[in-house]
Amino acid sequence: MPETIFELEEQIARIEEAQAACSAAIRKLMESEDIARGVVFPAQIHELHQQKNMLETHRQYRRVRISRLKLQETGC
């Protein structure tokens, strides 16, 4: 785990990019579904939602770590 605010912010940016990619993939799968013809992707969509949620957890953890580092810098 990185120990500087700069490194953590870089990781957050990469995580947000991955989240956006997950959202785009979910949207694409949902748009390509054709329920009448039986073309559905529930497992893939669910997996992408799970991945997006996992990424959000990692992003939040890094935000908390940044807050702690800022508190340590101010001496509180």
PDB file of N, CA and C in Angstrom:
ATOM      1  N   MET A   1       0.854  -1.181   0.000  1.00  0.00           N
ATOM      2  CA  MET A   1       0.000   0.000   0.000  1.00  0.00           C
ATOM      3  C   MET A   1       0.895   1.238   0.000  1.00  0.00           C
ATOM      4  N   PRO A   2       0.633   2.159  -0.900  1.00  0.00           N
ATOM      5  CA  PRO A   2       1.423   3.393  -0.953  1.00  0.00           C
ATOM      6  C   PRO A   2       1.316   4.176   0.360  1.00  0.00           C
ATOM      7  N   GLU A   3       2.346   4.925   0.627  1.00  0.00           N
ATOM      8  CA  GLU A   3       2.390   5.672   1.880  1.00  0.00           C
ATOM      9  C   GLU A   3       2.296   7.181   1.696  1.00  0.00           C
ATOM     10  N   THR A   4       2.168   7.653   0.456  1.00  0.00           N
ATOM     11  CA  THR A   4       2.065   9.097   0.258  1.00  0.00           C
ATOM     12  C   THR A   4       0.694   9.449  -0.314  1.00  0.00           C
ATOM     13  N   ILE A   5       0.280  10.655  -0.037  1.00  0.00           N
ATOM     14  CA  ILE A   5      -1.011  11.132  -0.535  1.00  0.00           C
ATOM     15  C   ILE A   5      -1.015  11.136  -2.057  1.00  0.00           C
ATOM     16  N   PHE A   6       0.077  11.551  -2.649  1.00  0.00           N
ATOM     17  CA  PHE A   6       0.170  11.597  -4.113  1.00  0.00           C
ATOM     18  C   PHE A   6      -0.045  10.211  -4.718  1.00  0.00           C
ATOM     19  N   GLU A   7       0.626   9.205  -4.171  1.00  0.00           N
ATOM     20  CA  GLU A   7       0.479   7.835  -4.683  1.00  0.00           C
ATOM     21  C   GLU A   7      -0.945   7.327  -4.507  1.00  0.00           C
ATOM     22  N   LEU A   8      -1.532   7.633  -3.370  1.00  0.00           N
ATOM     23  CA  LEU A   8      -2.913   7.207  -3.113  1.00  0.00           C
ATOM     24  C   LEU A   8      -3.876   7.876  -4.085  1.00  0.00           C
ATOM     25  N   GLU A   9      -3.657   9.166  -4.355  1.00  0.00           N
ATOM     26  CA  GLU A   9      -4.522   9.870  -5.309  1.00  0.00           C
ATOM     27  C   GLU A   9      -4.376   9.302  -6.717  1.00  0.00           C
ATOM     28  N   GLU A  10      -3.154   8.899  -7.082  1.00  0.00           N
ATOM     29  CA  GLU A  10      -2.953   8.253  -8.386  1.00  0.00           C
ATOM     30  C   GLU A  10      -3.730   6.941  -8.462  1.00  0.00           C
ATOM     31  N   GLN A  11      -3.685   6.175  -7.384  1.00  0.00           N
ATOM     32  CA  GLN A  11      -4.420   4.912  -7.353  1.00  0.00           C
ATOM     33  C   GLN A  11      -5.922   5.155  -7.439  1.00  0.00           C
ATOM     34  N   ILE A  12      -6.401   6.170  -6.756  1.00  0.00           N
ATOM     35  CA  ILE A  12      -7.827   6.502  -6.807  1.00  0.00           C
ATOM     36  C   ILE A  12      -8.232   6.834  -8.235  1.00  0.00           C
ATOM     37  N   ALA A  13      -7.396   7.573  -8.934  1.00  0.00           N
ATOM     38  CA  ALA A  13      -7.702   7.916 -10.330  1.00  0.00           C
ATOM     39  C   ALA A  13      -7.797   6.657 -11.190  1.00  0.00           C
ATOM     40  N   ARG A  14      -6.869   5.725 -10.987  1.00  0.00           N
ATOM     41  CA  ARG A  14      -6.918   4.467 -11.756  1.00  0.00           C
ATOM     42  C   ARG A  14      -8.151   3.647 -11.394  1.00  0.00           C
ATOM     43  N   ILE A  15      -8.509   3.647 -10.128  1.00  0.00           N
ATOM     44  CA  ILE A  15      -9.704   2.923  -9.685  1.00  0.00           C
ATOM     45  C   ILE A  15     -10.944   3.527 -10.328  1.00  0.00           C
ATOM     46  N   GLU A  16     -11.016   4.859 -10.357  1.00  0.00           N
ATOM     47  CA  GLU A  16     -12.170   5.525 -10.966  1.00  0.00           C
ATOM     48  C   GLU A  16     -12.263   5.226 -12.458  1.00  0.00           C
ATOM     49  N   GLU A  17     -11.120   5.109 -13.122  1.00  0.00           N
ATOM     50  CA  GLU A  17     -11.122   4.724 -14.543  1.00  0.00           C
ATOM     51  C   GLU A  17     -11.670   3.308 -14.711  1.00  0.00           C
ATOM     52  N   ALA A  18     -11.260   2.413 -13.825  1.00  0.00           N
ATOM     53  CA  ALA A  18     -11.745   1.031 -13.888  1.00  0.00           C
ATOM     54  C   ALA A  18     -13.246   0.973 -13.604  1.00  0.00           C
ATOM     55  N   GLN A  19     -13.718   1.805 -12.670  1.00  0.00           N
ATOM     56  CA  GLN A  19     -15.156   1.863 -12.387  1.00  0.00           C
ATOM     57  C   GLN A  19     -15.925   2.347 -13.612  1.00  0.00           C
ATOM     58  N   ALA A  20     -15.397   3.347 -14.280  1.00  0.00           N
ATOM     59  CA  ALA A  20     -16.055   3.861 -15.486  1.00  0.00           C
ATOM     60  C   ALA A  20     -16.097   2.788 -16.567  1.00  0.00           C
ATOM     61  N   ALA A  21     -15.027   2.015 -16.684  1.00  0.00           N
ATOM     62  CA  ALA A  21     -15.000   0.927 -17.668  1.00  0.00           C
ATOM     63  C   ALA A  21     -16.042  -0.132 -17.326  1.00  0.00           C
ATOM     64  N   CYS A  22     -16.196  -0.437 -16.045  1.00  0.00           N
ATOM     65  CA  CYS A  22     -17.227  -1.396 -15.617  1.00  0.00           C
ATOM     66  C   CYS A  22     -18.614  -0.867 -15.960  1.00  0.00           C
ATOM     67  N   SER A  23     -18.854   0.395 -15.670  1.00  0.00           N
ATOM     68  CA  SER A  23     -20.161   0.991 -15.973  1.00  0.00           C
ATOM     69  C   SER A  23     -20.452   0.939 -17.463  1.00  0.00           C
ATOM     70  N   ALA A  24     -19.449   1.236 -18.272  1.00  0.00           N
ATOM     71  CA  ALA A  24     -19.632   1.197 -19.726  1.00  0.00           C
ATOM     72  C   ALA A  24     -19.922  -0.223 -20.198  1.00  0.00           C
ATOM     73  N   ALA A  25     -19.221  -1.193 -19.634  1.00  0.00           N
ATOM     74  CA  ALA A  25     -19.445  -2.593 -20.018  1.00  0.00           C
ATOM     75  C   ALA A  25     -20.841  -3.050 -19.606  1.00  0.00           C
ATOM     76  N   ILE A  26     -21.280  -2.636 -18.430  1.00  0.00           N
ATOM     77  CA  ILE A  26     -22.632  -2.979 -17.968  1.00  0.00           C
ATOM     78  C   ILE A  26     -23.665  -2.388 -18.918  1.00  0.00           C
ATOM     79  N   ARG A  27     -23.488  -1.106 -19.241  1.00  0.00           N
ATOM     80  CA  ARG A  27     -24.410  -0.432 -20.158  1.00  0.00           C
ATOM     81  C   ARG A  27     -24.469  -1.143 -21.508  1.00  0.00           C
ATOM     82  N   LYS A  28     -23.295  -1.509 -22.025  1.00  0.00           N
ATOM     83  CA  LYS A  28     -23.227  -2.171 -23.325  1.00  0.00           C
ATOM     84  C   LYS A  28     -23.944  -3.522 -23.288  1.00  0.00           C
ATOM     85  N   LEU A  29     -23.717  -4.289 -22.235  1.00  0.00           N
ATOM     86  CA  LEU A  29     -24.392  -5.584 -22.115  1.00  0.00           C
ATOM     87  C   LEU A  29     -25.907  -5.417 -21.997  1.00  0.00           C
ATOM     88  N   MET A  30     -26.333  -4.456 -21.189  1.00  0.00           N
ATOM     89  CA  MET A  30     -27.769  -4.241 -21.002  1.00  0.00           C
ATOM     90  C   MET A  30     -28.429  -3.788 -22.302  1.00  0.00           C
ATOM     91  N   GLU A  31     -27.741  -2.951 -23.057  1.00  0.00           N
ATOM     92  CA  GLU A  31     -28.290  -2.478 -24.330  1.00  0.00           C
ATOM     93  C   GLU A  31     -28.356  -3.588 -25.371  1.00  0.00           C
ATOM     94  N   SER A  32     -27.454  -4.551 -25.279  1.00  0.00           N
ATOM     95  CA  SER A  32     -27.434  -5.628 -26.272  1.00  0.00           C
ATOM     96  C   SER A  32     -28.336  -6.802 -25.901  1.00  0.00           C
ATOM     97  N   GLU A  33     -28.942  -6.740 -24.722  1.00  0.00           N
ATOM     98  CA  GLU A  33     -29.867  -7.810 -24.337  1.00  0.00           C
ATOM     99  C   GLU A  33     -31.136  -7.744 -25.186  1.00  0.00           C
ATOM    100  N   ASP A  34     -31.656  -8.914 -25.504  1.00  0.00           N
ATOM    101  CA  ASP A  34     -32.925  -9.038 -26.226  1.00  0.00           C
ATOM    102  C   ASP A  34     -33.712 -10.139 -25.530  1.00  0.00           C
ATOM    103  N   ILE A  35     -34.521  -9.732 -24.583  1.00  0.00           N
ATOM    104  CA  ILE A  35     -35.241 -10.686 -23.744  1.00  0.00           C
ATOM    105  C   ILE A  35     -36.158 -11.570 -24.572  1.00  0.00           C
ATOM    106  N   ALA A  36     -36.798 -11.010 -25.574  1.00  0.00           N
ATOM    107  CA  ALA A  36     -37.719 -11.786 -26.412  1.00  0.00           C
ATOM    108  C   ALA A  36     -37.001 -12.947 -27.102  1.00  0.00           C
ATOM    109  N   ARG A  37     -35.774 -12.744 -27.454  1.00  0.00           N
ATOM    110  CA  ARG A  37     -34.999 -13.797 -28.135  1.00  0.00           C
ATOM    111  C   ARG A  37     -34.160 -14.628 -27.165  1.00  0.00           C
ATOM    112  N   GLY A  38     -34.228 -14.288 -25.903  1.00  0.00           N
ATOM    113  CA  GLY A  38     -33.467 -15.042 -24.907  1.00  0.00           C
ATOM    114  C   GLY A  38     -32.001 -14.670 -24.817  1.00  0.00           C
ATOM    115  N   VAL A  39     -31.663 -13.509 -25.349  1.00  0.00           N
ATOM    116  CA  VAL A  39     -30.275 -13.039 -25.281  1.00  0.00           C
ATOM    117  C   VAL A  39     -30.150 -12.146 -24.049  1.00  0.00           C
ATOM    118  N   VAL A  40     -29.649 -12.740 -22.983  1.00  0.00           N
ATOM    119  CA  VAL A  40     -29.498 -12.005 -21.724  1.00  0.00           C
ATOM    120  C   VAL A  40     -28.122 -12.323 -21.128  1.00  0.00           C
ATOM    121  N   PHE A  41     -27.645 -11.434 -20.313  1.00  0.00           N
ATOM    122  CA  PHE A  41     -26.309 -11.576 -19.739  1.00  0.00           C
ATOM    123  C   PHE A  41     -26.319 -11.342 -18.225  1.00  0.00           C
ATOM    124  N   PRO A  42     -27.173 -12.028 -17.474  1.00  0.00           N
ATOM    125  CA  PRO A  42     -27.273 -11.737 -16.047  1.00  0.00           C
ATOM    126  C   PRO A  42     -25.987 -12.023 -15.270  1.00  0.00           C
ATOM    127  N   ALA A  43     -25.316 -13.115 -15.592  1.00  0.00           N
ATOM    128  CA  ALA A  43     -24.095 -13.456 -14.853  1.00  0.00           C
ATOM    129  C   ALA A  43     -22.992 -12.423 -15.098  1.00  0.00           C
ATOM    130  N   GLN A  44     -22.829 -12.031 -16.350  1.00  0.00           N
ATOM    131  CA  GLN A  44     -21.782 -11.062 -16.675  1.00  0.00           C
ATOM    132  C   GLN A  44     -22.080  -9.700 -16.046  1.00  0.00           C
ATOM    133  N   ILE A  45     -23.344  -9.295 -16.107  1.00  0.00           N
ATOM    134  CA  ILE A  45     -23.732  -8.012 -15.522  1.00  0.00           C
ATOM    135  C   ILE A  45     -23.534  -8.041 -14.015  1.00  0.00           C
ATOM    136  N   HIS A  46     -23.930  -9.139 -13.382  1.00  0.00           N
ATOM    137  CA  HIS A  46     -23.763  -9.274 -11.932  1.00  0.00           C
ATOM    138  C   HIS A  46     -22.281  -9.218 -11.557  1.00  0.00           C
ATOM    139  N   GLU A  47     -21.449  -9.929 -12.309  1.00  0.00           N
ATOM    140  CA  GLU A  47     -20.015  -9.935 -12.035  1.00  0.00           C
ATOM    141  C   GLU A  47     -19.420  -8.533 -12.163  1.00  0.00           C
ATOM    142  N   LEU A  48     -19.848  -7.794 -13.174  1.00  0.00           N
ATOM    143  CA  LEU A  48     -19.359  -6.425 -13.346  1.00  0.00           C
ATOM    144  C   LEU A  48     -19.824  -5.513 -12.215  1.00  0.00           C
ATOM    145  N   HIS A  49     -21.065  -5.704 -11.748  1.00  0.00           N
ATOM    146  CA  HIS A  49     -21.550  -4.922 -10.601  1.00  0.00           C
ATOM    147  C   HIS A  49     -20.713  -5.238  -9.358  1.00  0.00           C
ATOM    148  N   GLN A  50     -20.415  -6.515  -9.158  1.00  0.00           N
ATOM    149  CA  GLN A  50     -19.596  -6.912  -8.015  1.00  0.00           C
ATOM    150  C   GLN A  50     -18.205  -6.283  -8.106  1.00  0.00           C
ATOM    151  N   GLN A  51     -17.632  -6.311  -9.284  1.00  0.00           N
ATOM    152  CA  GLN A  51     -16.307  -5.724  -9.484  1.00  0.00           C
ATOM    153  C   GLN A  51     -16.338  -4.219  -9.215  1.00  0.00           C
ATOM    154  N   LYS A  52     -17.376  -3.563  -9.692  1.00  0.00           N
ATOM    155  CA  LYS A  52     -17.519  -2.121  -9.477  1.00  0.00           C
ATOM    156  C   LYS A  52     -17.652  -1.808  -7.983  1.00  0.00           C
ATOM    157  N   ASN A  53     -18.419  -2.631  -7.263  1.00  0.00           N
ATOM    158  CA  ASN A  53     -18.565  -2.444  -5.816  1.00  0.00           C
ATOM    159  C   ASN A  53     -17.239  -2.657  -5.096  1.00  0.00           C
ATOM    160  N   MET A  54     -16.474  -3.663  -5.516  1.00  0.00           N
ATOM    161  CA  MET A  54     -15.175  -3.927  -4.923  1.00  0.00           C
ATOM    162  C   MET A  54     -14.239  -2.735  -5.146  1.00  0.00           C
ATOM    163  N   LEU A  55     -14.261  -2.201  -6.353  1.00  0.00           N
ATOM    164  CA  LEU A  55     -13.433  -1.036  -6.659  1.00  0.00           C
ATOM    165  C   LEU A  55     -13.823   0.162  -5.799  1.00  0.00           C
ATOM    166  N   GLU A  56     -15.116   0.332  -5.565  1.00  0.00           N
ATOM    167  CA  GLU A  56     -15.582   1.436  -4.714  1.00  0.00           C
ATOM    168  C   GLU A  56     -15.051   1.277  -3.294  1.00  0.00           C
ATOM    169  N   THR A  57     -15.038   0.048  -2.792  1.00  0.00           N
ATOM    170  CA  THR A  57     -14.497  -0.213  -1.460  1.00  0.00           C
ATOM    171  C   THR A  57     -13.022   0.154  -1.408  1.00  0.00           C
ATOM    172  N   HIS A  58     -12.266  -0.218  -2.423  1.00  0.00           N
ATOM    173  CA  HIS A  58     -10.842   0.125  -2.480  1.00  0.00           C
ATOM    174  C   HIS A  58     -10.651   1.641  -2.560  1.00  0.00           C
ATOM    175  N   ARG A  59     -11.497   2.315  -3.316  1.00  0.00           N
ATOM    176  CA  ARG A  59     -11.409   3.774  -3.439  1.00  0.00           C
ATOM    177  C   ARG A  59     -11.668   4.441  -2.091  1.00  0.00           C
ATOM    178  N   GLN A  60     -12.710   3.984  -1.395  1.00  0.00           N
ATOM    179  CA  GLN A  60     -13.042   4.555  -0.094  1.00  0.00           C
ATOM    180  C   GLN A  60     -11.922   4.324   0.917  1.00  0.00           C
ATOM    181  N   TYR A  61     -11.329   3.145   0.888  1.00  0.00           N
ATOM    182  CA  TYR A  61     -10.217   2.843   1.794  1.00  0.00           C
ATOM    183  C   TYR A  61      -9.073   3.833   1.572  1.00  0.00           C
ATOM    184  N   ARG A  62      -8.779   4.120   0.328  1.00  0.00           N
ATOM    185  CA  ARG A  62      -7.696   5.053   0.025  1.00  0.00           C
ATOM    186  C   ARG A  62      -8.053   6.484   0.437  1.00  0.00           C
ATOM    187  N   ARG A  63      -9.314   6.854   0.305  1.00  0.00           N
ATOM    188  CA  ARG A  63      -9.751   8.185   0.764  1.00  0.00           C
ATOM    189  C   ARG A  63      -9.543   8.312   2.276  1.00  0.00           C
ATOM    190  N   VAL A  64      -9.897   7.282   3.020  1.00  0.00           N
ATOM    191  CA  VAL A  64      -9.714   7.294   4.474  1.00  0.00           C
ATOM    192  C   VAL A  64      -8.229   7.374   4.808  1.00  0.00           C
ATOM    193  N   ARG A  65      -7.413   6.630   4.070  1.00  0.00           N
ATOM    194  CA  ARG A  65      -5.965   6.649   4.294  1.00  0.00           C
ATOM    195  C   ARG A  65      -5.404   8.050   4.044  1.00  0.00           C
ATOM    196  N   ILE A  66      -5.885   8.714   3.015  1.00  0.00           N
ATOM    197  CA  ILE A  66      -5.455  10.091   2.741  1.00  0.00           C
ATOM    198  C   ILE A  66      -5.838  10.999   3.904  1.00  0.00           C
ATOM    199  N   SER A  67      -7.045  10.859   4.408  1.00  0.00           N
ATOM    200  CA  SER A  67      -7.489  11.681   5.542  1.00  0.00           C
ATOM    201  C   SER A  67      -6.599  11.457   6.756  1.00  0.00           C
ATOM    202  N   ARG A  68      -6.252  10.209   7.017  1.00  0.00           N
ATOM    203  CA  ARG A  68      -5.376   9.910   8.159  1.00  0.00           C
ATOM    204  C   ARG A  68      -3.995  10.524   7.968  1.00  0.00           C
ATOM    205  N   LEU A  69      -3.463  10.433   6.763  1.00  0.00           N
ATOM    206  CA  LEU A  69      -2.150  11.023   6.501  1.00  0.00           C
ATOM    207  C   LEU A  69      -2.185  12.539   6.673  1.00  0.00           C
ATOM    208  N   LYS A  70      -3.266  13.169   6.235  1.00  0.00           N
ATOM    209  CA  LYS A  70      -3.391  14.624   6.399  1.00  0.00           C
ATOM    210  C   LYS A  70      -3.464  14.997   7.872  1.00  0.00           C
ATOM    211  N   LEU A  71      -4.168  14.191   8.656  1.00  0.00           N
ATOM    212  CA  LEU A  71      -4.235  14.450  10.093  1.00  0.00           C
ATOM    213  C   LEU A  71      -2.861  14.305  10.738  1.00  0.00           C
ATOM    214  N   GLN A  72      -2.112  13.299  10.326  1.00  0.00           N
ATOM    215  CA  GLN A  72      -0.765  13.104  10.864  1.00  0.00           C
ATOM    216  C   GLN A  72       0.144  14.273  10.502  1.00  0.00           C
ATOM    217  N   GLU A  73      -0.022  14.807   9.307  1.00  0.00           N
ATOM    218  CA  GLU A  73       0.804  15.938   8.869  1.00  0.00           C
ATOM    219  C   GLU A  73       0.543  17.185   9.706  1.00  0.00           C
ATOM    220  N   THR A  74      -0.708  17.371  10.116  1.00  0.00           N
ATOM    221  CA  THR A  74      -1.050  18.559  10.901  1.00  0.00           C
ATOM    222  C   THR A  74      -0.748  18.364  12.381  1.00  0.00           C
ATOM    223  N   GLY A  75      -0.399  17.136  12.768  1.00  0.00           N
ATOM    224  CA  GLY A  75      -0.023  16.881  14.149  1.00  0.00           C
ATOM    225  C   GLY A  75      -1.185  16.681  15.090  1.00  0.00           C
ATOM    226  N   CYS A  76      -2.355  16.456  14.578  1.00  0.00           N
ATOM    227  CA  CYS A  76      -3.526  16.235  15.436  1.00  0.00           C
ATOM    228  C   CYS A  76      -3.658  14.790  15.821  1.00  0.00           C
TER     229      CYS A  76
END
